[in-house]
Amino acid sequence: MVRKEKNIMIVAQFSGPYTLEDIVIDLYVAVNQIGVYVLGNTILGTFVPKYVGRSDVNLNGRLKDWVGYYSQFKFGYYSTQKDAYSTECWIYHQLFPSLDNERHPDKPIGKDYKCPWCGE
């Protein structure tokens, strides 16, 4: 239970929630940055995460791929692909099965990182 609470704190510390629109993404999210995002909706004043993902090269561009699928997003920047992957995995494991993600997060291309939570 402690890990779930810490993970919710990570999501809570992400910037947002913001409306998932191109103009809003450009306003708040830098291009060419590594980052993790959570997509969802605010219900009764609380952000409800529905999907977690990351970008290893351009968080701004990756978020734009989701415009029209969810209404809001939160995000955080990371200095390394490994840190972003670990955070994405952590959020995935703590919030699954309430997420829409159909499978475990993919490793960064060309990397052989292991998920710190399940070893996958």
N, C-alpha and C. Protein backbone atom coordinates (compact mmCIF):
# COMPACT_ATOMS: atom_id res chain seq x y z
N MET A 1 0.81 -1.20 0.00
CA MET A 1 0.00 0.00 0.00
C MET A 1 0.85 1.26 0.00
N VAL A 2 2.00 1.21 0.65
CA VAL A 2 2.87 2.38 0.70
C VAL A 2 3.32 2.75 -0.71
N ARG A 3 3.70 1.75 -1.53
CA ARG A 3 4.15 2.04 -2.88
C ARG A 3 3.05 2.72 -3.68
N LYS A 4 1.81 2.30 -3.50
CA LYS A 4 0.72 2.93 -4.23
C LYS A 4 0.58 4.39 -3.81
N GLU A 5 0.68 4.65 -2.53
CA GLU A 5 0.57 6.03 -2.06
C GLU A 5 1.70 6.88 -2.61
N LYS A 6 2.92 6.35 -2.62
CA LYS A 6 4.05 7.10 -3.16
C LYS A 6 3.84 7.35 -4.65
N ASN A 7 3.32 6.34 -5.35
CA ASN A 7 3.09 6.50 -6.78
C ASN A 7 2.04 7.55 -7.06
N ILE A 8 0.99 7.56 -6.28
CA ILE A 8 -0.04 8.58 -6.45
C ILE A 8 0.59 9.95 -6.18
N MET A 9 1.54 10.02 -5.25
CA MET A 9 2.22 11.28 -5.00
C MET A 9 3.01 11.71 -6.22
N ILE A 10 3.65 10.77 -6.93
CA ILE A 10 4.37 11.12 -8.15
C ILE A 10 3.40 11.72 -9.15
N VAL A 11 2.27 11.07 -9.38
CA VAL A 11 1.28 11.60 -10.32
C VAL A 11 0.80 12.96 -9.84
N ALA A 12 0.58 13.11 -8.54
CA ALA A 12 0.11 14.38 -8.00
C ALA A 12 1.16 15.48 -8.21
N GLN A 13 2.44 15.12 -8.19
CA GLN A 13 3.51 16.10 -8.34
C GLN A 13 3.78 16.44 -9.80
N PHE A 14 3.25 15.66 -10.72
CA PHE A 14 3.38 16.00 -12.14
C PHE A 14 2.70 17.35 -12.38
N SER A 15 3.14 18.05 -13.40
CA SER A 15 2.46 19.28 -13.80
C SER A 15 1.11 18.94 -14.41
N GLY A 16 0.12 19.74 -14.12
CA GLY A 16 -1.21 19.53 -14.67
C GLY A 16 -2.22 19.30 -13.56
N PRO A 17 -3.43 18.93 -13.91
CA PRO A 17 -3.86 18.53 -15.25
C PRO A 17 -4.11 19.73 -16.17
N TYR A 18 -3.85 19.47 -17.45
CA TYR A 18 -4.09 20.43 -18.51
C TYR A 18 -5.02 19.80 -19.54
N THR A 19 -5.72 20.64 -20.29
CA THR A 19 -6.57 20.15 -21.37
C THR A 19 -5.69 19.58 -22.47
N LEU A 20 -6.05 18.41 -22.95
CA LEU A 20 -5.25 17.72 -23.97
C LEU A 20 -5.59 18.26 -25.36
N GLU A 21 -4.96 19.39 -25.69
CA GLU A 21 -5.12 20.04 -26.99
C GLU A 21 -3.73 20.50 -27.45
N ASP A 22 -3.51 20.54 -28.76
CA ASP A 22 -2.20 20.92 -29.30
C ASP A 22 -1.70 22.25 -28.74
N ILE A 23 -2.57 23.25 -28.74
CA ILE A 23 -2.16 24.58 -28.30
C ILE A 23 -1.76 24.59 -26.82
N VAL A 24 -2.44 23.80 -26.01
CA VAL A 24 -2.13 23.72 -24.58
C VAL A 24 -0.82 22.94 -24.38
N ILE A 25 -0.65 21.87 -25.12
CA ILE A 25 0.59 21.10 -25.05
C ILE A 25 1.78 22.01 -25.39
N ASP A 26 1.66 22.78 -26.48
CA ASP A 26 2.74 23.69 -26.86
C ASP A 26 3.01 24.75 -25.81
N LEU A 27 2.00 25.14 -25.08
CA LEU A 27 2.14 26.16 -24.05
C LEU A 27 2.91 25.65 -22.83
N TYR A 28 2.68 24.39 -22.45
CA TYR A 28 3.24 23.86 -21.20
C TYR A 28 4.35 22.83 -21.35
N VAL A 29 4.47 22.17 -22.50
CA VAL A 29 5.40 21.05 -22.63
C VAL A 29 6.50 21.39 -23.63
N ALA A 30 7.74 21.35 -23.18
CA ALA A 30 8.88 21.62 -24.04
C ALA A 30 9.05 20.51 -25.08
N VAL A 31 9.60 20.86 -26.22
CA VAL A 31 9.90 19.85 -27.25
C VAL A 31 11.25 19.21 -26.96
N ASN A 32 11.42 18.01 -27.50
CA ASN A 32 12.68 17.28 -27.39
C ASN A 32 13.10 16.99 -25.95
N GLN A 33 12.12 16.67 -25.12
CA GLN A 33 12.38 16.31 -23.72
C GLN A 33 11.89 14.90 -23.45
N ILE A 34 12.63 14.18 -22.62
CA ILE A 34 12.21 12.86 -22.13
C ILE A 34 11.17 13.09 -21.04
N GLY A 35 10.10 12.30 -21.04
CA GLY A 35 9.11 12.48 -19.99
C GLY A 35 8.08 11.38 -19.91
N VAL A 36 7.34 11.42 -18.83
CA VAL A 36 6.25 10.48 -18.57
C VAL A 36 4.96 11.29 -18.49
N TYR A 37 3.88 10.72 -19.00
CA TYR A 37 2.60 11.40 -18.97
C TYR A 37 1.52 10.46 -18.47
N VAL A 38 0.50 11.06 -17.92
CA VAL A 38 -0.69 10.34 -17.49
C VAL A 38 -1.88 11.04 -18.11
N LEU A 39 -2.72 10.28 -18.77
CA LEU A 39 -3.92 10.82 -19.42
C LEU A 39 -5.13 10.44 -18.59
N GLY A 40 -6.13 11.30 -18.55
CA GLY A 40 -7.33 10.99 -17.79
C GLY A 40 -8.32 12.13 -17.81
N ASN A 41 -9.09 12.20 -16.75
CA ASN A 41 -10.15 13.20 -16.62
C ASN A 41 -10.24 13.63 -15.17
N THR A 42 -10.76 14.83 -14.94
CA THR A 42 -11.02 15.27 -13.58
C THR A 42 -12.49 15.01 -13.27
N ILE A 43 -12.71 14.28 -12.17
CA ILE A 43 -14.06 13.95 -11.73
C ILE A 43 -14.21 14.43 -10.29
N LEU A 44 -15.19 15.28 -10.07
CA LEU A 44 -15.45 15.85 -8.75
C LEU A 44 -14.19 16.46 -8.14
N GLY A 45 -13.40 17.15 -8.98
CA GLY A 45 -12.22 17.85 -8.51
C GLY A 45 -10.96 17.02 -8.35
N THR A 46 -11.03 15.73 -8.69
CA THR A 46 -9.88 14.84 -8.56
C THR A 46 -9.48 14.29 -9.92
N PHE A 47 -8.19 14.40 -10.27
CA PHE A 47 -7.71 13.84 -11.52
C PHE A 47 -7.71 12.32 -11.43
N VAL A 48 -8.36 11.68 -12.39
CA VAL A 48 -8.47 10.22 -12.43
C VAL A 48 -7.62 9.71 -13.59
N PRO A 49 -6.47 9.07 -13.28
CA PRO A 49 -5.60 8.55 -14.33
C PRO A 49 -6.24 7.37 -15.06
N LYS A 50 -6.13 7.38 -16.40
CA LYS A 50 -6.68 6.28 -17.20
C LYS A 50 -5.63 5.64 -18.12
N TYR A 51 -4.52 6.34 -18.37
CA TYR A 51 -3.49 5.79 -19.25
C TYR A 51 -2.15 6.41 -18.87
N VAL A 52 -1.10 5.58 -18.84
CA VAL A 52 0.25 6.08 -18.57
C VAL A 52 1.13 5.76 -19.76
N GLY A 53 2.01 6.69 -20.09
CA GLY A 53 2.95 6.49 -21.19
C GLY A 53 4.17 7.36 -21.00
N ARG A 54 5.08 7.29 -21.98
CA ARG A 54 6.29 8.11 -21.91
C ARG A 54 6.80 8.38 -23.30
N SER A 55 7.70 9.32 -23.38
CA SER A 55 8.44 9.58 -24.61
C SER A 55 9.91 9.62 -24.25
N ASP A 56 10.71 8.91 -25.03
CA ASP A 56 12.15 8.88 -24.80
C ASP A 56 12.88 9.98 -25.55
N VAL A 57 12.15 10.75 -26.39
CA VAL A 57 12.81 11.79 -27.17
C VAL A 57 12.02 13.11 -27.26
N ASN A 58 10.68 13.06 -27.32
CA ASN A 58 9.91 14.29 -27.53
C ASN A 58 8.52 14.16 -26.90
N LEU A 59 8.45 14.48 -25.62
CA LEU A 59 7.19 14.38 -24.88
C LEU A 59 6.09 15.22 -25.52
N ASN A 60 6.43 16.40 -25.98
CA ASN A 60 5.46 17.29 -26.62
C ASN A 60 4.78 16.59 -27.80
N GLY A 61 5.57 16.03 -28.69
CA GLY A 61 5.02 15.34 -29.87
C GLY A 61 4.22 14.11 -29.51
N ARG A 62 4.68 13.36 -28.52
CA ARG A 62 3.95 12.14 -28.13
C ARG A 62 2.59 12.48 -27.55
N LEU A 63 2.51 13.52 -26.74
CA LEU A 63 1.21 13.92 -26.19
C LEU A 63 0.23 14.30 -27.29
N LYS A 64 0.72 14.94 -28.34
CA LYS A 64 -0.16 15.34 -29.44
C LYS A 64 -0.78 14.14 -30.14
N ASP A 65 -0.11 12.99 -30.08
CA ASP A 65 -0.68 11.76 -30.66
C ASP A 65 -1.97 11.34 -29.96
N TRP A 66 -2.17 11.80 -28.74
CA TRP A 66 -3.32 11.39 -27.94
C TRP A 66 -4.48 12.39 -27.95
N VAL A 67 -4.30 13.53 -28.60
CA VAL A 67 -5.38 14.52 -28.66
C VAL A 67 -6.62 13.87 -29.28
N GLY A 68 -7.75 14.05 -28.62
CA GLY A 68 -9.01 13.47 -29.09
C GLY A 68 -9.37 12.15 -28.41
N TYR A 69 -8.41 11.55 -27.70
CA TYR A 69 -8.67 10.27 -27.02
C TYR A 69 -8.97 10.43 -25.54
N TYR A 70 -8.35 11.41 -24.92
CA TYR A 70 -8.58 11.70 -23.50
C TYR A 70 -8.74 13.22 -23.39
N SER A 71 -9.27 13.68 -22.27
CA SER A 71 -9.52 15.12 -22.15
C SER A 71 -8.41 15.88 -21.44
N GLN A 72 -7.61 15.21 -20.60
CA GLN A 72 -6.60 15.92 -19.83
C GLN A 72 -5.31 15.11 -19.73
N PHE A 73 -4.24 15.83 -19.36
CA PHE A 73 -2.96 15.16 -19.15
C PHE A 73 -2.20 15.80 -18.01
N LYS A 74 -1.31 15.00 -17.43
CA LYS A 74 -0.32 15.47 -16.47
C LYS A 74 1.01 14.94 -16.98
N PHE A 75 2.10 15.59 -16.60
CA PHE A 75 3.39 15.12 -17.09
C PHE A 75 4.53 15.50 -16.16
N GLY A 76 5.64 14.79 -16.34
CA GLY A 76 6.88 15.10 -15.64
C GLY A 76 8.06 14.82 -16.57
N TYR A 77 9.10 15.64 -16.45
CA TYR A 77 10.32 15.45 -17.24
C TYR A 77 11.28 14.55 -16.49
N TYR A 78 12.12 13.84 -17.26
CA TYR A 78 13.17 13.00 -16.68
C TYR A 78 14.46 13.21 -17.45
N SER A 79 15.57 13.05 -16.76
CA SER A 79 16.86 13.31 -17.40
C SER A 79 17.39 12.11 -18.17
N THR A 80 16.87 10.92 -17.87
CA THR A 80 17.33 9.73 -18.59
C THR A 80 16.14 8.87 -19.02
N GLN A 81 16.35 8.10 -20.07
CA GLN A 81 15.32 7.16 -20.52
C GLN A 81 15.05 6.11 -19.44
N LYS A 82 16.08 5.71 -18.74
CA LYS A 82 15.92 4.69 -17.70
C LYS A 82 15.02 5.19 -16.57
N ASP A 83 15.23 6.44 -16.15
CA ASP A 83 14.37 7.00 -15.09
C ASP A 83 12.92 7.13 -15.56
N ALA A 84 12.74 7.54 -16.81
CA ALA A 84 11.38 7.67 -17.35
C ALA A 84 10.72 6.30 -17.43
N TYR A 85 11.45 5.30 -17.91
CA TYR A 85 10.91 3.94 -18.02
C TYR A 85 10.53 3.41 -16.63
N SER A 86 11.40 3.59 -15.66
CA SER A 86 11.13 3.11 -14.30
C SER A 86 9.88 3.77 -13.72
N THR A 87 9.72 5.07 -13.94
CA THR A 87 8.55 5.77 -13.43
C THR A 87 7.28 5.32 -14.13
N GLU A 88 7.36 5.17 -15.46
CA GLU A 88 6.19 4.68 -16.20
C GLU A 88 5.78 3.30 -15.68
N CYS A 89 6.75 2.42 -15.49
CA CYS A 89 6.46 1.08 -14.97
C CYS A 89 5.82 1.15 -13.58
N TRP A 90 6.36 1.99 -12.73
CA TRP A 90 5.86 2.12 -11.38
C TRP A 90 4.39 2.55 -11.40
N ILE A 91 4.10 3.58 -12.16
CA ILE A 91 2.71 4.04 -12.25
C ILE A 91 1.82 2.94 -12.82
N TYR A 92 2.29 2.29 -13.88
CA TYR A 92 1.52 1.19 -14.49
C TYR A 92 1.18 0.12 -13.46
N HIS A 93 2.19 -0.35 -12.73
CA HIS A 93 1.96 -1.44 -11.78
C HIS A 93 1.08 -1.02 -10.62
N GLN A 94 1.15 0.22 -10.21
CA GLN A 94 0.35 0.66 -9.07
C GLN A 94 -1.10 0.94 -9.44
N LEU A 95 -1.34 1.33 -10.67
CA LEU A 95 -2.71 1.70 -11.06
C LEU A 95 -3.42 0.65 -11.91
N PHE A 96 -2.67 -0.32 -12.46
CA PHE A 96 -3.31 -1.39 -13.23
C PHE A 96 -4.13 -2.23 -12.26
N PRO A 97 -5.32 -2.67 -12.55
CA PRO A 97 -6.00 -2.73 -13.83
C PRO A 97 -6.96 -1.58 -14.11
N SER A 98 -6.89 -0.50 -13.32
CA SER A 98 -7.82 0.61 -13.57
C SER A 98 -7.41 1.44 -14.79
N LEU A 99 -6.22 1.18 -15.33
CA LEU A 99 -5.75 1.90 -16.52
C LEU A 99 -6.29 1.26 -17.80
N ASP A 100 -6.31 2.05 -18.86
CA ASP A 100 -6.69 1.54 -20.18
C ASP A 100 -5.53 0.86 -20.90
N ASN A 101 -4.32 0.96 -20.35
CA ASN A 101 -3.16 0.29 -20.96
C ASN A 101 -3.46 -1.20 -21.10
N GLU A 102 -3.22 -1.73 -22.30
CA GLU A 102 -3.49 -3.14 -22.55
C GLU A 102 -2.30 -4.04 -22.23
N ARG A 103 -1.11 -3.45 -22.11
CA ARG A 103 0.07 -4.27 -21.82
C ARG A 103 1.10 -3.45 -21.06
N HIS A 104 2.08 -4.16 -20.58
CA HIS A 104 3.19 -3.57 -19.83
C HIS A 104 3.94 -2.56 -20.70
N PRO A 105 4.47 -1.49 -20.10
CA PRO A 105 5.24 -0.52 -20.89
C PRO A 105 6.41 -1.18 -21.63
N ASP A 106 6.65 -0.70 -22.85
CA ASP A 106 7.79 -1.17 -23.65
C ASP A 106 9.07 -0.56 -23.12
N LYS A 107 10.16 -1.31 -23.27
CA LYS A 107 11.47 -0.77 -22.95
C LYS A 107 11.86 0.26 -24.00
N PRO A 108 12.73 1.20 -23.64
CA PRO A 108 13.24 2.10 -24.67
C PRO A 108 13.93 1.30 -25.78
N ILE A 109 13.82 1.77 -27.00
CA ILE A 109 14.40 1.08 -28.15
C ILE A 109 15.91 0.92 -27.95
N GLY A 110 16.37 -0.32 -28.14
CA GLY A 110 17.80 -0.61 -28.03
C GLY A 110 18.32 -0.77 -26.62
N LYS A 111 17.46 -0.72 -25.63
CA LYS A 111 17.88 -0.85 -24.23
C LYS A 111 17.38 -2.18 -23.67
N ASP A 112 18.12 -2.71 -22.72
CA ASP A 112 17.74 -3.98 -22.10
C ASP A 112 17.41 -3.77 -20.62
N TYR A 113 16.73 -2.68 -20.31
CA TYR A 113 16.35 -2.41 -18.93
C TYR A 113 15.33 -3.44 -18.47
N LYS A 114 15.38 -3.73 -17.20
CA LYS A 114 14.39 -4.60 -16.57
C LYS A 114 13.43 -3.73 -15.77
N CYS A 115 12.16 -4.10 -15.80
CA CYS A 115 11.18 -3.39 -14.99
C CYS A 115 11.55 -3.60 -13.52
N PRO A 116 11.70 -2.52 -12.74
CA PRO A 116 12.07 -2.66 -11.33
C PRO A 116 10.96 -3.29 -10.48
N TRP A 117 9.76 -3.44 -11.02
CA TRP A 117 8.64 -3.94 -10.22
C TRP A 117 8.31 -5.40 -10.53
N CYS A 118 8.50 -5.83 -11.78
CA CYS A 118 8.16 -7.23 -12.10
C CYS A 118 9.30 -7.97 -12.81
N GLY A 119 10.35 -7.26 -13.18
CA GLY A 119 11.50 -7.90 -13.83
C GLY A 119 11.32 -8.13 -15.31
N GLU A 120 10.19 -7.74 -15.88
CA GLU A 120 9.94 -7.96 -17.30
C GLU A 120 10.92 -7.16 -18.14
